[in-house]
Amino acid sequence: MDEEVMSSGDAYTFKLLEKWTGIIEMGEEFRVLYLRNEIKTNITYAYISKLTRLWLELAPILKDRTDLDELPKEYEDFRQYYFDPRLLLKDPEKIFALEEILRTAIEKLKITHFER
């Protein structure tokens, strides 16, 4: 029987997809808190932590890419939030913008198109 072996690149892509799926689920919880004006909770702190950590994970992959239009530049605009995630608490709408730029990056990098 032939057994499919996942390459290290495939395994890494799959891990990124798993992280993103967890972030999406946590994002739903955050949205409820946001709607209730209760954003300073452990869920929010964990959500921001996961968003900024994934931002860092994808940053070197996007850096210097010329085939993705303005995405690398727009992505880099969020660097400050990795180094001081508390800034996101001052402007919660930036949390949604960070989620959106991550989603765009994941789509453009075809991470959501993972096939086994």
C-alpha atoms as a PDB file:
ATOM      1  CA  MET A   1       0.000   0.000   0.000  1.00  0.00           C
ATOM      2  CA  ASP A   2       1.325   3.427  -0.930  1.00  0.00           C
ATOM      3  CA  GLU A   3       1.344   5.752   2.029  1.00  0.00           C
ATOM      4  CA  GLU A   4       1.354   9.464   1.357  1.00  0.00           C
ATOM      5  CA  VAL A   5       4.137  11.250   3.166  1.00  0.00           C
ATOM      6  CA  MET A   6       3.726  14.916   3.930  1.00  0.00           C
ATOM      7  CA  SER A   7       6.735  17.040   2.995  1.00  0.00           C
ATOM      8  CA  SER A   8       8.067  19.519   5.532  1.00  0.00           C
ATOM      9  CA  GLY A   9       6.607  22.340   3.407  1.00  0.00           C
ATOM     10  CA  ASP A  10       3.209  20.646   3.387  1.00  0.00           C
ATOM     11  CA  ALA A  11       3.401  20.046   7.130  1.00  0.00           C
ATOM     12  CA  TYR A  12       4.258  23.697   7.752  1.00  0.00           C
ATOM     13  CA  THR A  13       1.418  24.876   5.505  1.00  0.00           C
ATOM     14  CA  PHE A  14      -0.983  22.557   7.301  1.00  0.00           C
ATOM     15  CA  LYS A  15       0.189  23.895  10.679  1.00  0.00           C
ATOM     16  CA  LEU A  16      -0.420  27.470   9.520  1.00  0.00           C
ATOM     17  CA  LEU A  17      -3.884  26.475   8.353  1.00  0.00           C
ATOM     18  CA  GLU A  18      -4.604  24.904  11.744  1.00  0.00           C
ATOM     19  CA  LYS A  19      -3.480  28.094  13.496  1.00  0.00           C
ATOM     20  CA  TRP A  20      -5.678  30.177  11.222  1.00  0.00           C
ATOM     21  CA  THR A  21      -8.705  27.954  11.871  1.00  0.00           C
ATOM     22  CA  GLY A  22      -8.224  28.411  15.627  1.00  0.00           C
ATOM     23  CA  ILE A  23      -7.959  32.165  15.168  1.00  0.00           C
ATOM     24  CA  ILE A  24     -11.205  32.255  13.186  1.00  0.00           C
ATOM     25  CA  GLU A  25     -13.013  30.416  15.968  1.00  0.00           C
ATOM     26  CA  MET A  26     -11.605  32.738  18.616  1.00  0.00           C
ATOM     27  CA  GLY A  27     -12.493  35.709  16.412  1.00  0.00           C
ATOM     28  CA  GLU A  28     -16.161  34.777  16.644  1.00  0.00           C
ATOM     29  CA  GLU A  29     -15.958  34.930  20.439  1.00  0.00           C
ATOM     30  CA  PHE A  30     -14.136  38.262  20.244  1.00  0.00           C
ATOM     31  CA  ARG A  31     -16.839  39.738  17.997  1.00  0.00           C
ATOM     32  CA  VAL A  32     -19.483  38.930  20.597  1.00  0.00           C
ATOM     33  CA  LEU A  33     -17.418  40.672  23.270  1.00  0.00           C
ATOM     34  CA  TYR A  34     -16.869  43.633  20.968  1.00  0.00           C
ATOM     35  CA  LEU A  35     -20.605  43.957  20.364  1.00  0.00           C
ATOM     36  CA  ARG A  36     -21.182  43.966  24.128  1.00  0.00           C
ATOM     37  CA  ASN A  37     -18.379  46.531  24.697  1.00  0.00           C
ATOM     38  CA  GLU A  38     -16.523  44.023  26.856  1.00  0.00           C
ATOM     39  CA  ILE A  39     -13.259  43.701  25.011  1.00  0.00           C
ATOM     40  CA  LYS A  40     -10.822  43.735  27.917  1.00  0.00           C
ATOM     41  CA  THR A  41     -11.066  40.025  28.645  1.00  0.00           C
ATOM     42  CA  ASN A  42      -8.758  37.020  28.489  1.00  0.00           C
ATOM     43  CA  ILE A  43     -10.382  35.991  25.198  1.00  0.00           C
ATOM     44  CA  THR A  44      -9.409  39.328  23.660  1.00  0.00           C
ATOM     45  CA  TYR A  45      -5.872  39.107  24.998  1.00  0.00           C
ATOM     46  CA  ALA A  46      -5.472  35.564  23.647  1.00  0.00           C
ATOM     47  CA  TYR A  47      -7.001  36.569  20.315  1.00  0.00           C
ATOM     48  CA  ILE A  48      -4.634  39.525  19.909  1.00  0.00           C
ATOM     49  CA  SER A  49      -1.725  37.305  20.903  1.00  0.00           C
ATOM     50  CA  LYS A  50      -2.621  34.696  18.283  1.00  0.00           C
ATOM     51  CA  LEU A  51      -3.204  37.306  15.562  1.00  0.00           C
ATOM     52  CA  THR A  52       0.106  39.042  16.177  1.00  0.00           C
ATOM     53  CA  ARG A  53       1.990  35.754  16.452  1.00  0.00           C
ATOM     54  CA  LEU A  54       0.615  34.586  13.114  1.00  0.00           C
ATOM     55  CA  TRP A  55       1.519  37.998  11.688  1.00  0.00           C
ATOM     56  CA  LEU A  56       5.138  37.355  12.668  1.00  0.00           C
ATOM     57  CA  GLU A  57       5.021  33.830  11.261  1.00  0.00           C
ATOM     58  CA  LEU A  58       3.957  35.052   7.817  1.00  0.00           C
ATOM     59  CA  ALA A  59       6.078  38.230   7.709  1.00  0.00           C
ATOM     60  CA  PRO A  60       9.249  36.637   6.271  1.00  0.00           C
ATOM     61  CA  ILE A  61       7.202  34.738   3.689  1.00  0.00           C
ATOM     62  CA  LEU A  62       5.643  37.973   2.411  1.00  0.00           C
ATOM     63  CA  LYS A  63       8.737  40.151   2.666  1.00  0.00           C
ATOM     64  CA  ASP A  64      10.072  41.262  -0.706  1.00  0.00           C
ATOM     65  CA  ARG A  65       7.353  39.454  -2.677  1.00  0.00           C
ATOM     66  CA  THR A  66       6.702  41.319  -5.908  1.00  0.00           C
ATOM     67  CA  ASP A  67       3.897  39.100  -7.170  1.00  0.00           C
ATOM     68  CA  LEU A  68       1.357  40.183  -4.531  1.00  0.00           C
ATOM     69  CA  ASP A  69       0.785  43.832  -5.499  1.00  0.00           C
ATOM     70  CA  GLU A  70       0.673  46.072  -2.418  1.00  0.00           C
ATOM     71  CA  LEU A  71       0.072  43.274   0.089  1.00  0.00           C
ATOM     72  CA  PRO A  72       3.645  43.086   1.477  1.00  0.00           C
ATOM     73  CA  LYS A  73       3.677  46.838   2.151  1.00  0.00           C
ATOM     74  CA  GLU A  74       0.195  46.836   3.714  1.00  0.00           C
ATOM     75  CA  TYR A  75       1.167  43.780   5.762  1.00  0.00           C
ATOM     76  CA  GLU A  76       4.290  45.488   7.052  1.00  0.00           C
ATOM     77  CA  ASP A  77       2.162  48.388   8.317  1.00  0.00           C
ATOM     78  CA  PHE A  78       1.025  46.074  11.143  1.00  0.00           C
ATOM     79  CA  ARG A  79       4.563  45.435  12.470  1.00  0.00           C
ATOM     80  CA  GLN A  80       4.107  47.857  15.373  1.00  0.00           C
ATOM     81  CA  TYR A  81       1.263  45.718  16.744  1.00  0.00           C
ATOM     82  CA  TYR A  82       3.500  42.674  16.996  1.00  0.00           C
ATOM     83  CA  PHE A  83       5.969  44.588  19.141  1.00  0.00           C
ATOM     84  CA  ASP A  84       3.285  46.305  21.230  1.00  0.00           C
ATOM     85  CA  PRO A  85      -0.003  44.398  20.956  1.00  0.00           C
ATOM     86  CA  ARG A  86      -1.559  46.647  23.607  1.00  0.00           C
ATOM     87  CA  LEU A  87      -1.880  49.287  20.887  1.00  0.00           C
ATOM     88  CA  LEU A  88      -4.694  47.196  19.455  1.00  0.00           C
ATOM     89  CA  LEU A  89      -6.694  47.678  22.647  1.00  0.00           C
ATOM     90  CA  LYS A  90      -6.619  51.434  22.088  1.00  0.00           C
ATOM     91  CA  ASP A  91      -8.228  51.054  18.644  1.00  0.00           C
ATOM     92  CA  PRO A  92     -10.159  47.749  18.532  1.00  0.00           C
ATOM     93  CA  GLU A  93     -11.113  48.274  14.898  1.00  0.00           C
ATOM     94  CA  LYS A  94      -7.443  47.682  14.089  1.00  0.00           C
ATOM     95  CA  ILE A  95      -7.952  44.150  15.417  1.00  0.00           C
ATOM     96  CA  PHE A  96     -10.430  43.564  12.600  1.00  0.00           C
ATOM     97  CA  ALA A  97      -8.017  45.147  10.107  1.00  0.00           C
ATOM     98  CA  LEU A  98      -5.234  42.828  11.300  1.00  0.00           C
ATOM     99  CA  GLU A  99      -7.527  39.832  10.933  1.00  0.00           C
ATOM    100  CA  GLU A 100      -8.428  40.976   7.421  1.00  0.00           C
ATOM    101  CA  ILE A 101      -4.814  41.442   6.311  1.00  0.00           C
ATOM    102  CA  LEU A 102      -3.933  38.006   7.689  1.00  0.00           C
ATOM    103  CA  ARG A 103      -6.876  36.460   5.840  1.00  0.00           C
ATOM    104  CA  THR A 104      -5.778  38.182   2.634  1.00  0.00           C
ATOM    105  CA  ALA A 105      -2.195  36.980   3.078  1.00  0.00           C
ATOM    106  CA  ILE A 106      -3.295  33.415   3.759  1.00  0.00           C
ATOM    107  CA  GLU A 107      -5.503  33.443   0.667  1.00  0.00           C
ATOM    108  CA  LYS A 108      -2.826  34.985  -1.575  1.00  0.00           C
ATOM    109  CA  LEU A 109      -0.250  32.479  -0.311  1.00  0.00           C
ATOM    110  CA  LYS A 110      -2.777  29.707  -1.042  1.00  0.00           C
ATOM    111  CA  ILE A 111      -2.532  28.342   2.499  1.00  0.00           C
ATOM    112  CA  THR A 112      -6.292  27.759   2.547  1.00  0.00           C
ATOM    113  CA  HIS A 113      -5.975  25.665  -0.605  1.00  0.00           C
ATOM    114  CA  PHE A 114      -4.153  22.899   1.209  1.00  0.00           C
ATOM    115  CA  GLU A 115      -4.807  19.493  -0.348  1.00  0.00           C
ATOM    116  CA  ARG A 116      -3.801  16.042   0.801  1.00  0.00           C
END
